């Protein structure tokens, strides 16, 4: 291998190394972005779970109040129907 070919091979290897470094830096930046998005997604999921728990608790409260009220209304209607017909 001549000296010119060696220099050319060395230059090509340096270019490959430099491009690999650029690729690694780009991958690091992309990974940081993905990790940030993952954290946001986790926070959103946790907020959603909290809201769902709140909604279920409110639904239980409404059910505890509404069902006895509905039963009382039906009983009153049944009493009036039986009494006057």
C-alpha atoms as a PDB file:
ATOM      1  CA  UNK A   1       0.000   0.000   0.000  1.00  0.00           C
ATOM      2  CA  UNK A   2       1.476   3.332  -0.989  1.00  0.00           C
ATOM      3  CA  UNK A   3       1.740   6.331   1.251  1.00  0.00           C
ATOM      4  CA  UNK A   4      -1.017   8.163  -0.647  1.00  0.00           C
ATOM      5  CA  UNK A   5      -3.376   5.230  -0.235  1.00  0.00           C
ATOM      6  CA  UNK A   6      -2.581   5.086   3.463  1.00  0.00           C
ATOM      7  CA  UNK A   7      -3.345   8.790   3.856  1.00  0.00           C
ATOM      8  CA  UNK A   8      -6.581   8.383   1.922  1.00  0.00           C
ATOM      9  CA  UNK A   9      -7.595   5.392   4.060  1.00  0.00           C
ATOM     10  CA  UNK A  10      -6.706   7.321   7.203  1.00  0.00           C
ATOM     11  CA  UNK A  11      -8.795  10.308   6.052  1.00  0.00           C
ATOM     12  CA  UNK A  12     -11.747   8.054   5.277  1.00  0.00           C
ATOM     13  CA  UNK A  13     -11.475   6.454   8.714  1.00  0.00           C
ATOM     14  CA  UNK A  14     -11.398   9.889  10.339  1.00  0.00           C
ATOM     15  CA  UNK A  15     -14.518  10.924   8.417  1.00  0.00           C
ATOM     16  CA  UNK A  16     -16.272   7.751   9.514  1.00  0.00           C
ATOM     17  CA  UNK A  17     -15.263   8.419  13.120  1.00  0.00           C
ATOM     18  CA  UNK A  18     -16.477  12.020  12.962  1.00  0.00           C
ATOM     19  CA  UNK A  19     -19.818  10.998  11.456  1.00  0.00           C
ATOM     20  CA  UNK A  20     -20.256   8.305  14.070  1.00  0.00           C
ATOM     21  CA  UNK A  21     -19.659  10.883  16.774  1.00  0.00           C
ATOM     22  CA  UNK A  22     -22.271  13.136  15.185  1.00  0.00           C
ATOM     23  CA  UNK A  23     -24.694  10.213  15.063  1.00  0.00           C
ATOM     24  CA  UNK A  24     -24.054   9.417  18.725  1.00  0.00           C
ATOM     25  CA  UNK A  25     -24.707  13.052  19.689  1.00  0.00           C
ATOM     26  CA  UNK A  26     -27.911  13.055  17.678  1.00  0.00           C
ATOM     27  CA  UNK A  27     -29.034   9.836  19.348  1.00  0.00           C
ATOM     28  CA  UNK A  28     -28.292  11.330  22.777  1.00  0.00           C
ATOM     29  CA  UNK A  29     -30.442  14.360  21.965  1.00  0.00           C
ATOM     30  CA  UNK A  30     -33.264  12.147  20.704  1.00  0.00           C
ATOM     31  CA  UNK A  31     -33.066   9.982  23.801  1.00  0.00           C
ATOM     32  CA  UNK A  32     -33.317  13.041  26.036  1.00  0.00           C
ATOM     33  CA  UNK A  33     -36.406  14.154  24.112  1.00  0.00           C
ATOM     34  CA  UNK A  34     -37.993  10.717  24.411  1.00  0.00           C
ATOM     35  CA  UNK A  35     -37.306  10.596  28.139  1.00  0.00           C
ATOM     36  CA  UNK A  36     -38.891  14.027  28.573  1.00  0.00           C
ATOM     37  CA  UNK A  37     -41.964  12.926  26.635  1.00  0.00           C
ATOM     38  CA  UNK A  38     -42.155   9.751  28.713  1.00  0.00           C
ATOM     39  CA  UNK A  39     -42.152  11.788  31.929  1.00  0.00           C
ATOM     40  CA  UNK A  40     -44.931  14.012  30.581  1.00  0.00           C
ATOM     41  CA  UNK A  41     -46.919  10.952  29.571  1.00  0.00           C
ATOM     42  CA  UNK A  42     -46.531   9.392  33.007  1.00  0.00           C
ATOM     43  CA  UNK A  43     -47.655  12.614  34.670  1.00  0.00           C
ATOM     44  CA  UNK A  44     -50.682  12.764  32.384  1.00  0.00           C
ATOM     45  CA  UNK A  45     -51.606   9.168  33.173  1.00  0.00           C
ATOM     46  CA  UNK A  46     -51.308   9.812  36.902  1.00  0.00           C
ATOM     47  CA  UNK A  47     -53.531  12.879  36.596  1.00  0.00           C
ATOM     48  CA  UNK A  48     -56.077  10.871  34.627  1.00  0.00           C
ATOM     49  CA  UNK A  49     -56.116   8.121  37.246  1.00  0.00           C
ATOM     50  CA  UNK A  50     -56.648  10.704  39.975  1.00  0.00           C
ATOM     51  CA  UNK A  51     -59.544  12.276  38.094  1.00  0.00           C
ATOM     52  CA  UNK A  52     -61.132   8.876  37.544  1.00  0.00           C
ATOM     53  CA  UNK A  53     -60.889   8.080  41.245  1.00  0.00           C
ATOM     54  CA  UNK A  54     -62.507  11.417  42.081  1.00  0.00           C
ATOM     55  CA  UNK A  55     -65.296  10.747  39.584  1.00  0.00           C
ATOM     56  CA  UNK A  56     -65.961   7.299  41.065  1.00  0.00           C
ATOM     57  CA  UNK A  57     -66.106   8.715  44.582  1.00  0.00           C
ATOM     58  CA  UNK A  58     -68.614  11.347  43.467  1.00  0.00           C
ATOM     59  CA  UNK A  59     -70.671   8.719  41.653  1.00  0.00           C
ATOM     60  CA  UNK A  60     -70.850   6.651  44.827  1.00  0.00           C
ATOM     61  CA  UNK A  61     -72.015   9.665  46.812  1.00  0.00           C
ATOM     62  CA  UNK A  62     -74.715  10.485  44.285  1.00  0.00           C
ATOM     63  CA  UNK A  63     -75.829   6.856  44.220  1.00  0.00           C
ATOM     64  CA  UNK A  64     -76.114   6.757  47.996  1.00  0.00           C
ATOM     65  CA  UNK A  65     -78.377   9.819  47.919  1.00  0.00           C
ATOM     66  CA  UNK A  66     -80.327   9.246  44.692  1.00  0.00           C
ATOM     67  CA  UNK A  67     -81.297   5.579  45.055  1.00  0.00           C
ATOM     68  CA  UNK A  68     -83.096   5.985  48.395  1.00  0.00           C
ATOM     69  CA  UNK A  69     -84.816   9.124  47.018  1.00  0.00           C
ATOM     70  CA  UNK A  70     -86.011   7.273  43.927  1.00  0.00           C
ATOM     71  CA  UNK A  71     -87.252   4.361  46.035  1.00  0.00           C
ATOM     72  CA  UNK A  72     -89.132   6.789  48.308  1.00  0.00           C
ATOM     73  CA  UNK A  73     -90.768   8.457  45.276  1.00  0.00           C
ATOM     74  CA  UNK A  74     -91.801   5.092  43.827  1.00  0.00           C
ATOM     75  CA  UNK A  75     -93.207   4.047  47.181  1.00  0.00           C
ATOM     76  CA  UNK A  76     -95.195   7.303  47.415  1.00  0.00           C
ATOM     77  CA  UNK A  77     -96.570   6.821  43.896  1.00  0.00           C
ATOM     78  CA  UNK A  78     -97.488   3.208  44.661  1.00  0.00           C
ATOM     79  CA  UNK A  79     -99.230   4.325  47.866  1.00  0.00           C
ATOM     80  CA  UNK A  80    -101.252   6.974  45.999  1.00  0.00           C
ATOM     81  CA  UNK A  81    -102.174   4.535  43.216  1.00  0.00           C
ATOM     82  CA  UNK A  82    -103.320   1.880  45.695  1.00  0.00           C
ATOM     83  CA  UNK A  83    -105.180   4.350  47.883  1.00  0.00           C
ATOM     84  CA  UNK A  84    -107.127   6.177  45.134  1.00  0.00           C
ATOM     85  CA  UNK A  85    -107.759   3.381  42.601  1.00  0.00           C
END
